[in-house]
């Protein structure tokens, strides 16, 4: 039996990393690209917080790692230099190639139908676009300075709302605004797709380009908007929770030049994380109900949940290098591990929380036992034993009262 980490790595296409590197005409000497990526993945699994810690872990487990695709532990300077000088596009392309492999081997992993209030969108792809700031240390990472005394990278992500998987990713300095990346994030969307954006992407020039491509957009209004009402739905015909539903023309001269067509403005009460909030949405769709527009925007929170999932379960709190390449290598390694864990969770039909799933895998990473059996064991809760049946269960003589007494944090 091999370790859990070996089982995970050996299920990946072994030739793929070096094949990608060779297509890039990149050569590696003693420390291969495969060893670099697998070691960075190990740092994510184990939450190694420093380069020294990760190097020490790989040295301690040198014998085990050498049996896993010939991973060669690197010296600190070799590893640091690889992260600093090598192009992270290798890790990026490995991620997308891996996602395609997983999708082809198990179509249900990626091809998920829209559910809940959006179940009627059977043939449409619905995407949420957002970004998340990853704080960095300013005293050593000055390339990513974005405000006074602060430094950060920004992870721009387009997520498929149905399967909650990244569909497009851009990693850059936090100096780059969301709207500045908007066209890039939506460049390969198709006719009929739906894109949902937050106020950071509020730009009528951007909305107009989406409208010309026949892409439905739903966004938040960022500030006071000057407009004239062309038509409005009467109050007695509006759905519950819809405060207004209007067709408008932009009135401000500069904004009107960017978007000359009619646009729809919907004001609604939306429940977000258990809190009712009043929101104003802008969209180019005049057919769907106002409640559908509100439900579409509500589904945008899947990308917020994805960011939370990434930050809570992966090692994105401290970085092994200080330049842009090193940061991007680590973030792509984190995304690769997230993809692998999500796929393994799908295969095992895990019913518990994702964070618990990650915790089990992390705890067992060096254990030599079958991962599938381990997940089946921990993924099935033991049956509840009633006090009426307690007498049929063997216990030590003299411990009858203690056995029937509530234990731990139970209060009833």
Protein backbone atom coordinates (compact mmCIF):
# COMPACT_ATOMS: atom_id res chain seq x y z
CA UNK A 1 0.00 0.00 0.00
CA UNK A 2 1.24 3.51 -0.85
CA UNK A 3 0.60 6.80 0.96
CA UNK A 4 -2.47 8.94 0.32
CA UNK A 5 -0.27 11.61 -1.28
CA UNK A 6 1.19 8.99 -3.64
CA UNK A 7 -2.33 7.82 -4.55
CA UNK A 8 -3.36 11.37 -5.42
CA UNK A 9 -0.26 12.13 -7.51
CA UNK A 10 -0.21 8.81 -9.35
CA UNK A 11 -3.78 9.34 -10.57
CA UNK A 12 -2.64 12.45 -12.42
CA UNK A 13 -1.34 12.21 -16.02
CA UNK A 14 2.37 11.83 -15.28
CA UNK A 15 3.72 13.05 -18.61
CA UNK A 16 1.56 16.16 -18.80
CA UNK A 17 3.67 18.66 -16.86
CA UNK A 18 6.90 17.95 -18.72
CA UNK A 19 4.98 17.87 -22.01
CA UNK A 20 3.63 21.37 -21.33
CA UNK A 21 7.09 22.60 -20.37
CA UNK A 22 8.63 21.14 -23.55
CA UNK A 23 6.00 22.84 -25.72
CA UNK A 24 7.02 26.09 -24.06
CA UNK A 25 10.63 25.24 -24.99
CA UNK A 26 11.54 25.39 -21.33
CA UNK A 27 14.36 23.21 -20.04
CA UNK A 28 14.94 22.10 -16.48
CA UNK A 29 18.11 20.66 -15.04
CA UNK A 30 18.14 18.59 -11.85
CA UNK A 31 14.95 20.01 -10.36
CA UNK A 32 12.19 19.14 -12.84
CA UNK A 33 8.95 21.06 -13.37
CA UNK A 34 7.06 18.00 -12.10
CA UNK A 35 9.04 18.01 -8.85
CA UNK A 36 8.41 21.73 -8.46
CA UNK A 37 4.64 21.47 -8.94
CA UNK A 38 4.23 18.34 -6.80
CA UNK A 39 6.26 19.92 -4.00
CA UNK A 40 4.18 23.08 -4.13
CA UNK A 41 1.06 20.88 -4.04
CA UNK A 42 2.44 19.14 -0.96
CA UNK A 43 2.83 22.56 0.67
CA UNK A 44 -0.88 23.17 0.02
CA UNK A 45 -1.96 19.80 1.41
CA UNK A 46 0.10 20.28 4.58
CA UNK A 47 -0.33 24.05 4.96
CA UNK A 48 3.43 24.63 5.04
CA UNK A 49 3.83 28.30 5.94
CA UNK A 50 7.40 28.94 4.78
CA UNK A 51 9.86 27.84 2.15
CA UNK A 52 12.16 26.42 4.83
CA UNK A 53 9.32 24.37 6.31
CA UNK A 54 8.41 22.93 2.91
CA UNK A 55 12.04 22.12 2.09
CA UNK A 56 12.43 20.38 5.46
CA UNK A 57 9.25 18.34 4.92
CA UNK A 58 10.43 17.19 1.50
CA UNK A 59 13.86 16.28 2.93
CA UNK A 60 12.39 14.28 5.82
CA UNK A 61 10.18 12.36 3.39
CA UNK A 62 12.84 12.09 0.68
CA UNK A 63 12.57 8.29 0.41
CA UNK A 64 8.78 8.37 0.11
CA UNK A 65 8.80 11.21 -2.43
CA UNK A 66 11.41 9.51 -4.62
CA UNK A 67 8.94 6.65 -5.12
CA UNK A 68 6.22 9.08 -6.24
CA UNK A 69 6.99 9.95 -9.86
CA UNK A 70 10.63 10.39 -8.87
CA UNK A 71 10.01 13.65 -6.99
CA UNK A 72 13.40 15.06 -6.08
CA UNK A 73 13.53 17.32 -2.99
CA UNK A 74 15.29 20.55 -3.87
CA UNK A 75 17.70 22.55 -1.83
CA UNK A 76 16.32 25.82 -0.56
CA UNK A 77 18.18 27.99 -3.09
CA UNK A 78 17.25 25.67 -6.00
CA UNK A 79 13.57 25.69 -5.08
CA UNK A 80 13.51 29.45 -4.47
CA UNK A 81 15.26 30.13 -7.77
CA UNK A 82 12.81 27.89 -9.67
CA UNK A 83 9.81 29.72 -8.21
CA UNK A 84 11.39 33.10 -8.94
CA UNK A 85 12.64 32.57 -12.49
CA UNK A 86 10.42 29.95 -14.11
CA UNK A 87 7.29 30.95 -15.98
CA UNK A 88 4.13 29.96 -14.01
CA UNK A 89 2.28 29.44 -17.31
CA UNK A 90 3.31 25.77 -16.97
CA UNK A 91 1.24 25.43 -13.78
CA UNK A 92 -1.58 27.42 -15.34
CA UNK A 93 -1.80 25.19 -18.42
CA UNK A 94 -1.48 22.08 -16.27
CA UNK A 95 -4.53 23.25 -14.31
CA UNK A 96 -6.74 23.67 -17.39
CA UNK A 97 -5.48 20.42 -18.94
CA UNK A 98 -6.24 18.62 -15.69
CA UNK A 99 -9.74 20.08 -15.56
CA UNK A 100 -10.40 18.86 -19.11
CA UNK A 101 -9.10 15.37 -18.21
CA UNK A 102 -11.36 15.17 -15.18
CA UNK A 103 -14.34 16.40 -17.18
CA UNK A 104 -13.83 13.84 -19.95
CA UNK A 105 -13.36 10.94 -17.53
CA UNK A 106 -16.37 11.93 -15.41
CA UNK A 107 -18.71 14.25 -17.37
CA UNK A 108 -20.96 14.75 -14.35
CA UNK A 109 -18.14 16.57 -12.56
CA UNK A 110 -18.39 19.61 -14.81
CA UNK A 111 -21.65 19.21 -16.74
CA UNK A 112 -24.04 20.14 -13.94
CA UNK A 113 -27.49 21.56 -14.60
CA UNK A 114 -28.61 24.79 -12.99
CA UNK A 115 -30.60 24.13 -9.85
CA UNK A 116 -33.14 25.82 -7.60
CA UNK A 117 -34.63 29.05 -8.91
CA UNK A 118 -32.41 28.81 -12.02
CA UNK A 119 -33.40 25.24 -12.96
CA UNK A 120 -35.36 26.47 -15.96
CA UNK A 121 -32.12 27.65 -17.61
CA UNK A 122 -31.33 24.21 -19.01
CA UNK A 123 -29.43 25.26 -22.11
CA UNK A 124 -27.80 28.47 -20.90
CA UNK A 125 -24.43 28.87 -19.23
CA UNK A 126 -24.58 31.25 -16.27
CA UNK A 127 -21.31 32.75 -15.08
CA UNK A 128 -20.43 34.89 -12.08
CA UNK A 129 -17.44 37.24 -12.37
CA UNK A 130 -15.65 38.62 -9.34
CA UNK A 131 -12.23 39.13 -7.78
CA UNK A 132 -10.62 38.61 -4.41
CA UNK A 133 -7.63 40.35 -2.88
CA UNK A 134 -4.87 38.18 -1.41
CA UNK A 135 -2.83 40.25 1.09
CA UNK A 136 0.95 40.17 0.75
CA UNK A 137 3.82 41.57 2.79
CA UNK A 138 4.69 45.06 1.53
CA UNK A 139 8.22 45.10 2.98
CA UNK A 140 9.30 42.32 0.61
CA UNK A 141 6.68 42.29 -2.17
CA UNK A 142 6.64 45.85 -3.48
CA UNK A 143 5.62 44.84 -7.03
CA UNK A 144 2.03 44.40 -5.81
CA UNK A 145 1.65 47.64 -3.85
CA UNK A 146 -1.85 48.99 -4.39
CA UNK A 147 -2.61 51.40 -1.53
CA UNK A 148 -0.53 53.15 1.13
CA UNK A 149 1.36 50.67 3.31
CA UNK A 150 -0.42 47.69 1.76
CA UNK A 151 0.47 45.13 -0.88
CA UNK A 152 -1.72 42.45 -2.44
CA UNK A 153 -2.31 40.20 -5.40
CA UNK A 154 -5.74 39.96 -6.94
CA UNK A 155 -7.40 36.78 -8.12
CA UNK A 156 -9.92 37.54 -10.90
CA UNK A 157 -12.23 34.61 -11.50
CA UNK A 158 -15.16 33.68 -13.72
CA UNK A 159 -17.13 30.83 -12.16
CA UNK A 160 -19.77 28.55 -13.61
CA UNK A 161 -22.73 29.00 -11.25
CA UNK A 162 -23.98 25.42 -11.79
CA UNK A 163 -20.83 23.47 -10.90
CA UNK A 164 -19.08 26.13 -8.78
CA UNK A 165 -15.81 25.60 -10.66
CA UNK A 166 -13.49 28.30 -12.07
CA UNK A 167 -13.94 28.78 -15.80
CA UNK A 168 -11.43 31.58 -16.32
CA UNK A 169 -8.71 32.88 -13.98
CA UNK A 170 -6.38 35.88 -14.07
CA UNK A 171 -3.79 36.54 -11.34
CA UNK A 172 -2.40 40.07 -11.18
CA UNK A 173 -1.48 42.89 -8.84
CA UNK A 174 -4.33 44.43 -6.86
CA UNK A 175 -3.51 47.70 -8.64
CA UNK A 176 -5.50 46.33 -11.59
CA UNK A 177 -9.14 47.37 -11.25
CA UNK A 178 -11.97 44.91 -11.76
CA UNK A 179 -13.45 46.86 -14.67
CA UNK A 180 -10.01 46.97 -16.28
CA UNK A 181 -10.08 43.15 -16.47
CA UNK A 182 -13.76 42.88 -17.40
CA UNK A 183 -13.34 42.39 -21.16
CA UNK A 184 -10.60 39.80 -20.64
CA UNK A 185 -12.78 37.85 -18.19
CA UNK A 186 -15.64 37.71 -20.68
CA UNK A 187 -13.68 37.42 -23.95
CA UNK A 188 -14.68 33.84 -24.79
CA UNK A 189 -18.33 33.94 -23.72
CA UNK A 190 -20.77 32.71 -26.35
CA UNK A 191 -24.00 34.08 -27.81
CA UNK A 192 -26.78 33.50 -25.27
CA UNK A 193 -24.55 33.16 -22.20
CA UNK A 194 -25.43 35.01 -18.99
CA UNK A 195 -22.83 36.91 -16.97
CA UNK A 196 -23.43 38.31 -13.49
CA UNK A 197 -21.13 41.02 -12.14
CA UNK A 198 -20.69 43.00 -8.96
CA UNK A 199 -20.38 46.77 -8.71
CA UNK A 200 -16.65 46.56 -9.36
CA UNK A 201 -17.44 45.81 -13.02
CA UNK A 202 -20.01 48.59 -13.34
CA UNK A 203 -19.32 50.20 -16.72
CA UNK A 204 -21.86 50.95 -19.43
CA UNK A 205 -19.13 50.79 -22.06
CA UNK A 206 -18.45 47.20 -20.92
CA UNK A 207 -22.19 46.42 -20.78
CA UNK A 208 -22.62 47.77 -24.31
CA UNK A 209 -19.92 45.43 -25.65
CA UNK A 210 -21.69 42.48 -23.99
CA UNK A 211 -25.03 43.60 -25.41
CA UNK A 212 -23.58 43.79 -28.94
CA UNK A 213 -22.43 40.17 -28.57
CA UNK A 214 -25.92 39.08 -27.45
CA UNK A 215 -24.68 38.20 -23.97
CA UNK A 216 -27.15 38.81 -21.15
CA UNK A 217 -25.68 40.78 -18.26
CA UNK A 218 -26.97 41.42 -14.75
CA UNK A 219 -25.04 43.96 -12.68
CA UNK A 220 -25.38 46.21 -9.66
CA UNK A 221 -25.83 49.95 -10.02
CA UNK A 222 -22.83 51.57 -8.35
CA UNK A 223 -23.93 55.14 -7.81
CA UNK A 224 -26.74 57.58 -8.52
CA UNK A 225 -27.83 57.11 -12.10
CA UNK A 226 -29.44 59.81 -14.22
CA UNK A 227 -32.09 58.39 -16.54
CA UNK A 228 -35.52 58.87 -18.03
CA UNK A 229 -38.20 56.22 -17.59
CA UNK A 230 -39.59 54.83 -20.84
CA UNK A 231 -41.99 52.33 -19.26
CA UNK A 232 -42.63 50.86 -15.82
CA UNK A 233 -44.48 47.87 -14.43
CA UNK A 234 -47.42 49.02 -12.21
CA UNK A 235 -47.18 48.22 -8.52
CA UNK A 236 -50.18 45.85 -8.57
CA UNK A 237 -48.50 43.73 -11.26
CA UNK A 238 -45.09 43.45 -9.63
CA UNK A 239 -44.01 40.28 -7.86
CA UNK A 240 -43.48 40.10 -4.11
CA UNK A 241 -40.20 41.72 -3.13
CA UNK A 242 -39.90 43.76 -6.34
CA UNK A 243 -39.92 47.49 -5.53
CA UNK A 244 -39.68 48.75 -9.12
CA UNK A 245 -39.22 47.40 -12.66
CA UNK A 246 -38.49 50.02 -15.34
CA UNK A 247 -37.24 50.39 -18.91
CA UNK A 248 -34.98 53.43 -19.01
CA UNK A 249 -32.73 55.53 -21.23
CA UNK A 250 -29.55 56.96 -19.78
CA UNK A 251 -29.76 60.72 -19.45
CA UNK A 252 -26.22 61.81 -18.64
CA UNK A 253 -24.48 62.81 -21.88
CA UNK A 254 -21.17 61.01 -21.34
CA UNK A 255 -22.84 57.79 -20.12
CA UNK A 256 -25.41 57.89 -22.92
CA UNK A 257 -22.64 57.85 -25.51
CA UNK A 258 -21.42 54.58 -24.01
CA UNK A 259 -24.85 52.91 -23.96
CA UNK A 260 -27.48 54.49 -26.20
CA UNK A 261 -30.03 51.64 -26.12
CA UNK A 262 -32.75 51.07 -23.57
CA UNK A 263 -31.75 49.23 -20.42
CA UNK A 264 -33.80 47.66 -17.64
CA UNK A 265 -33.58 48.77 -14.02
CA UNK A 266 -34.91 46.46 -11.30
CA UNK A 267 -35.06 47.34 -7.61
CA UNK A 268 -35.67 44.33 -5.38
CA UNK A 269 -35.39 42.95 -1.86
CA UNK A 270 -32.88 40.10 -1.95
CA UNK A 271 -31.93 37.73 0.86
CA UNK A 272 -28.16 37.36 1.08
CA UNK A 273 -26.77 35.06 3.78
CA UNK A 274 -29.98 35.36 5.77
CA UNK A 275 -30.13 39.17 5.57
CA UNK A 276 -32.71 41.07 3.49
CA UNK A 277 -31.08 43.79 1.41
CA UNK A 278 -32.43 46.34 -1.05
CA UNK A 279 -30.50 46.18 -4.34
CA UNK A 280 -30.76 47.85 -7.74
CA UNK A 281 -29.88 45.79 -10.82
CA UNK A 282 -29.25 46.77 -14.41
CA UNK A 283 -29.74 44.28 -17.25
CA UNK A 284 -30.27 44.13 -21.01
CA UNK A 285 -32.93 41.40 -20.70
CA UNK A 286 -36.52 42.59 -20.98
CA UNK A 287 -38.18 39.16 -21.16
CA UNK A 288 -37.48 37.42 -17.88
CA UNK A 289 -39.40 38.33 -14.75
CA UNK A 290 -37.93 40.80 -12.29
CA UNK A 291 -37.73 38.02 -9.68
CA UNK A 292 -35.62 35.95 -12.10
CA UNK A 293 -33.23 38.90 -12.49
CA UNK A 294 -32.92 39.11 -8.69
CA UNK A 295 -32.40 35.32 -8.43
CA UNK A 296 -29.68 35.48 -11.08
CA UNK A 297 -27.79 38.09 -9.10
CA UNK A 298 -28.26 36.10 -5.90
CA UNK A 299 -26.55 33.14 -7.59
CA UNK A 300 -23.45 35.33 -7.97
CA UNK A 301 -22.65 34.48 -4.36
CA UNK A 302 -21.39 31.09 -5.55
CA UNK A 303 -18.15 32.82 -6.54
CA UNK A 304 -17.95 34.41 -3.07
CA UNK A 305 -18.34 30.94 -1.54
CA UNK A 306 -15.63 29.64 -3.86
CA UNK A 307 -13.20 32.37 -2.75
CA UNK A 308 -14.00 31.54 0.88
CA UNK A 309 -13.43 27.85 0.15
CA UNK A 310 -10.03 28.58 -1.38
CA UNK A 311 -8.82 30.89 1.38
CA UNK A 312 -10.02 28.71 4.27
CA UNK A 313 -8.67 25.37 3.05
CA UNK A 314 -5.48 26.26 1.15
CA UNK A 315 -2.17 27.90 2.00
CA UNK A 316 -2.67 31.45 0.72
CA UNK A 317 -1.79 33.22 3.96
CA UNK A 318 1.98 33.33 3.46
CA UNK A 319 4.13 32.91 0.36
CA UNK A 320 7.34 31.05 -0.46
CA UNK A 321 8.72 33.80 -2.70
CA UNK A 322 8.59 37.57 -3.06
CA UNK A 323 8.33 38.26 -6.78
CA UNK A 324 5.33 37.97 -9.09
CA UNK A 325 6.36 34.59 -10.53
CA UNK A 326 6.70 32.96 -7.10
CA UNK A 327 3.31 34.24 -5.97
CA UNK A 328 1.64 33.02 -9.16
CA UNK A 329 3.28 29.59 -8.88
CA UNK A 330 1.86 29.19 -5.38
CA UNK A 331 -1.63 30.39 -6.29
CA UNK A 332 -1.81 28.06 -9.30
CA UNK A 333 -0.59 25.18 -7.11
CA UNK A 334 -3.41 26.02 -4.69
CA UNK A 335 -5.95 25.99 -7.52
CA UNK A 336 -4.61 22.63 -8.75
CA UNK A 337 -4.99 21.10 -5.29
CA UNK A 338 -8.49 22.56 -4.99
CA UNK A 339 -9.45 21.03 -8.35
CA UNK A 340 -8.04 17.62 -7.36
CA UNK A 341 -9.86 17.65 -4.02
CA UNK A 342 -13.14 18.70 -5.60
CA UNK A 343 -12.81 15.90 -8.15
CA UNK A 344 -11.96 13.34 -5.46
CA UNK A 345 -14.93 14.58 -3.44
CA UNK A 346 -17.15 14.09 -6.51
CA UNK A 347 -15.86 10.56 -7.15
CA UNK A 348 -16.32 9.51 -3.53
CA UNK A 349 -19.86 11.00 -3.44
CA UNK A 350 -18.91 12.87 -0.30
CA UNK A 351 -21.97 14.22 1.52
CA UNK A 352 -20.27 16.21 4.26
CA UNK A 353 -18.77 19.67 4.16
CA UNK A 354 -15.86 20.40 1.85
CA UNK A 355 -13.73 21.75 4.72
CA UNK A 356 -14.15 18.45 6.61
CA UNK A 357 -13.19 16.55 3.47
CA UNK A 358 -10.00 18.59 3.12
CA UNK A 359 -9.20 18.09 6.80
CA UNK A 360 -9.45 14.30 6.48
CA UNK A 361 -7.20 14.19 3.42
CA UNK A 362 -4.65 16.51 5.07
CA UNK A 363 -4.55 14.41 8.25
CA UNK A 364 -4.08 11.18 6.29
CA UNK A 365 -1.64 12.51 3.67
CA UNK A 366 1.26 10.21 4.75
CA UNK A 367 -0.91 7.27 5.84
CA UNK A 368 -0.63 4.09 3.79
CA UNK A 369 -4.26 3.17 3.40
CA UNK A 370 -6.77 3.27 0.57
CA UNK A 371 -8.12 6.81 0.21
CA UNK A 372 -11.48 5.71 -1.18
CA UNK A 373 -12.09 3.39 1.80
CA UNK A 374 -10.98 6.10 4.20
CA UNK A 375 -13.47 8.57 2.73
CA UNK A 376 -16.28 6.01 2.73
CA UNK A 377 -15.61 5.35 6.43
CA UNK A 378 -15.58 9.01 7.46
CA UNK A 379 -18.31 10.03 5.04
CA UNK A 380 -20.88 7.78 6.69
CA UNK A 381 -22.16 8.93 10.08
CA UNK A 382 -22.66 6.17 12.66
CA UNK A 383 -26.30 5.34 13.46
CA UNK A 384 -27.92 7.11 16.39
CA UNK A 385 -28.40 4.73 19.31
CA UNK A 386 -31.49 5.36 21.40
CA UNK A 387 -31.54 4.80 25.14
CA UNK A 388 -34.21 2.15 24.64
CA UNK A 389 -31.73 0.01 22.68
CA UNK A 390 -28.76 0.77 24.90
CA UNK A 391 -29.35 -2.36 26.98
CA UNK A 392 -28.59 -4.55 23.96
CA UNK A 393 -25.13 -3.03 23.55
CA UNK A 394 -22.26 -4.53 25.56
CA UNK A 395 -20.54 -2.31 28.10
CA UNK A 396 -18.20 -2.76 31.04
CA UNK A 397 -19.90 -3.86 34.28
CA UNK A 398 -20.48 -0.96 36.63
CA UNK A 399 -20.57 1.67 33.85
CA UNK A 400 -24.30 1.37 33.04
CA UNK A 401 -25.25 4.81 34.42
CA UNK A 402 -22.28 6.51 32.81
CA UNK A 403 -23.13 4.90 29.49
CA UNK A 404 -26.72 6.17 29.53
CA UNK A 405 -25.71 9.67 30.66
CA UNK A 406 -25.35 12.44 28.04
CA UNK A 407 -21.69 13.05 27.27
CA UNK A 408 -19.60 15.86 25.82
CA UNK A 409 -21.47 19.01 24.81
CA UNK A 410 -24.93 17.46 24.88
CA UNK A 411 -27.29 19.35 27.19
CA UNK A 412 -30.53 17.42 26.86
